[in-house]
C-alpha atoms as a PDB file:
ATOM      1  CA  MET A   1       7.860 -23.650 -11.565  1.00  0.00           C
ATOM      2  CA  VAL A   2       7.739 -21.607  -8.367  1.00  0.00           C
ATOM      3  CA  LEU A   3       5.873 -18.315  -8.439  1.00  0.00           C
ATOM      4  CA  SER A   4       7.582 -15.661  -6.393  1.00  0.00           C
ATOM      5  CA  LEU A   5       4.962 -14.004  -4.216  1.00  0.00           C
ATOM      6  CA  ARG A   6       7.457 -11.309  -3.336  1.00  0.00           C
ATOM      7  CA  SER A   7       7.141  -9.716  -6.757  1.00  0.00           C
ATOM      8  CA  LYS A   8       3.375  -9.195  -6.754  1.00  0.00           C
ATOM      9  CA  LEU A   9       1.016  -7.233  -4.518  1.00  0.00           C
ATOM     10  CA  THR A  10      -2.177  -9.155  -3.760  1.00  0.00           C
ATOM     11  CA  LYS A  11      -5.588  -7.533  -4.029  1.00  0.00           C
ATOM     12  CA  TYR A  12      -6.029  -8.038  -0.278  1.00  0.00           C
ATOM     13  CA  GLU A  13      -2.804  -6.222   0.536  1.00  0.00           C
ATOM     14  CA  GLU A  14      -3.738  -3.399  -1.815  1.00  0.00           C
ATOM     15  CA  THR A  15      -7.179  -3.044  -0.228  1.00  0.00           C
ATOM     16  CA  ARG A  16      -5.746  -3.035   3.289  1.00  0.00           C
ATOM     17  CA  ILE A  17      -3.129  -0.412   2.425  1.00  0.00           C
ATOM     18  CA  ILE A  18      -5.590   1.959   0.736  1.00  0.00           C
ATOM     19  CA  GLY A  19      -8.254   1.469   3.429  1.00  0.00           C
ATOM     20  CA  GLY A  20      -5.790   1.995   6.266  1.00  0.00           C
ATOM     21  CA  ARG A  21      -4.356   5.108   4.653  1.00  0.00           C
ATOM     22  CA  ALA A  22      -7.865   6.483   4.013  1.00  0.00           C
ATOM     23  CA  LEU A  23      -8.601   6.017   7.724  1.00  0.00           C
ATOM     24  CA  GLN A  24      -5.405   7.864   8.657  1.00  0.00           C
ATOM     25  CA  LEU A  25      -6.306  10.739   6.322  1.00  0.00           C
ATOM     26  CA  SER A  26      -9.843  10.959   7.713  1.00  0.00           C
ATOM     27  CA  MET A  27      -8.338  11.215  11.212  1.00  0.00           C
ATOM     28  CA  GLY A  28      -6.190  14.192  10.181  1.00  0.00           C
ATOM     29  CA  ALA A  29      -2.965  12.723   8.781  1.00  0.00           C
ATOM     30  CA  PHE A  30      -0.964  14.962   6.452  1.00  0.00           C
ATOM     31  CA  PRO A  31      -1.458  14.025   2.769  1.00  0.00           C
ATOM     32  CA  LEU A  32       1.621  12.962   0.809  1.00  0.00           C
ATOM     33  CA  VAL A  33       0.282  14.254  -2.526  1.00  0.00           C
ATOM     34  CA  ARG A  34      -1.304  17.591  -3.319  1.00  0.00           C
ATOM     35  CA  PRO A  35      -5.047  17.312  -2.563  1.00  0.00           C
ATOM     36  CA  ASN A  36      -7.630  18.411  -5.120  1.00  0.00           C
ATOM     37  CA  ALA A  37     -10.676  20.397  -4.075  1.00  0.00           C
ATOM     38  CA  ASN A  38     -13.073  17.457  -4.462  1.00  0.00           C
ATOM     39  CA  ASP A  39     -10.880  14.689  -2.952  1.00  0.00           C
ATOM     40  CA  THR A  40     -12.255  12.377  -0.299  1.00  0.00           C
ATOM     41  CA  SER A  41      -9.941  10.530   2.068  1.00  0.00           C
ATOM     42  CA  PHE A  42     -10.374   7.420  -0.101  1.00  0.00           C
ATOM     43  CA  THR A  43      -9.549   9.113  -3.411  1.00  0.00           C
ATOM     44  CA  LEU A  44      -6.569  10.821  -1.805  1.00  0.00           C
ATOM     45  CA  ALA A  45      -5.320   7.494  -0.399  1.00  0.00           C
ATOM     46  CA  LEU A  46      -5.777   5.888  -3.815  1.00  0.00           C
ATOM     47  CA  ARG A  47      -3.772   8.657  -5.488  1.00  0.00           C
ATOM     48  CA  GLU A  48      -1.003   8.290  -2.885  1.00  0.00           C
ATOM     49  CA  PHE A  49      -0.923   4.540  -3.503  1.00  0.00           C
ATOM     50  CA  LYS A  50      -0.754   4.929  -7.289  1.00  0.00           C
ATOM     51  CA  ALA A  51       1.978   7.576  -6.959  1.00  0.00           C
ATOM     52  CA  GLY A  52       4.053   5.127  -4.890  1.00  0.00           C
ATOM     53  CA  VAL A  53       4.777   7.619  -2.096  1.00  0.00           C
ATOM     54  CA  LEU A  54       3.551   5.578   0.874  1.00  0.00           C
ATOM     55  CA  PRO A  55       6.424   4.515   3.161  1.00  0.00           C
ATOM     56  CA  ILE A  56       4.954   1.108   3.985  1.00  0.00           C
ATOM     57  CA  VAL A  57       6.559  -2.287   4.566  1.00  0.00           C
ATOM     58  CA  ILE A  58       4.344  -5.336   4.114  1.00  0.00           C
ATOM     59  CA  ARG A  59       4.969  -8.287   6.437  1.00  0.00           C
ATOM     60  CA  ARG A  60       4.035 -11.542   4.773  1.00  0.00           C
ATOM     61  CA  ARG A  61       3.601 -14.452   7.169  1.00  0.00           C
ATOM     62  CA  TYR A  62       3.958 -18.037   6.017  1.00  0.00           C
ATOM     63  CA  PRO A  63       2.543 -21.318   7.392  1.00  0.00           C
ATOM     64  CA  ASP A  64       5.904 -22.374   8.846  1.00  0.00           C
ATOM     65  CA  ASN A  65       5.858 -19.294  11.164  1.00  0.00           C
ATOM     66  CA  THR A  66       8.422 -17.412   9.096  1.00  0.00           C
ATOM     67  CA  TYR A  67       7.825 -14.036   7.546  1.00  0.00           C
ATOM     68  CA  GLU A  68       9.353 -11.604   5.131  1.00  0.00           C
ATOM     69  CA  ASP A  69       9.178  -7.826   5.120  1.00  0.00           C
ATOM     70  CA  VAL A  70       8.718  -6.340   1.658  1.00  0.00           C
ATOM     71  CA  PRO A  71       8.798  -2.572   1.008  1.00  0.00           C
ATOM     72  CA  LEU A  72       5.747  -1.391  -0.937  1.00  0.00           C
ATOM     73  CA  GLN A  73       7.958   0.390  -3.476  1.00  0.00           C
ATOM     74  CA  ASP A  74       9.505  -2.985  -4.439  1.00  0.00           C
ATOM     75  CA  LEU A  75       6.071  -4.414  -5.184  1.00  0.00           C
ATOM     76  CA  LEU A  76       4.924  -1.433  -7.229  1.00  0.00           C
ATOM     77  CA  ARG A  77       8.016  -1.463  -9.453  1.00  0.00           C
ATOM     78  CA  PRO A  78       7.239  -2.835 -12.947  1.00  0.00           C
ATOM     79  CA  GLY A  79       8.993  -5.987 -14.015  1.00  0.00           C
END
């Protein structure tokens, strides 16, 4: 049985996406969800991630020097 990696977001990819977006927000990027009064850049990035509004494509590289580009929305979709 072959497990399709395309259908699942790894914890490392999730951490990199949220951390990178938190950095962007701390540098002045416009938030994609309505900020609350007590939001930090991390909590705002986490809310954006959970809402599925980040326009990100993940490039997965494989040992044979090939890669695939997977839109984040495809990985967050249930099923």
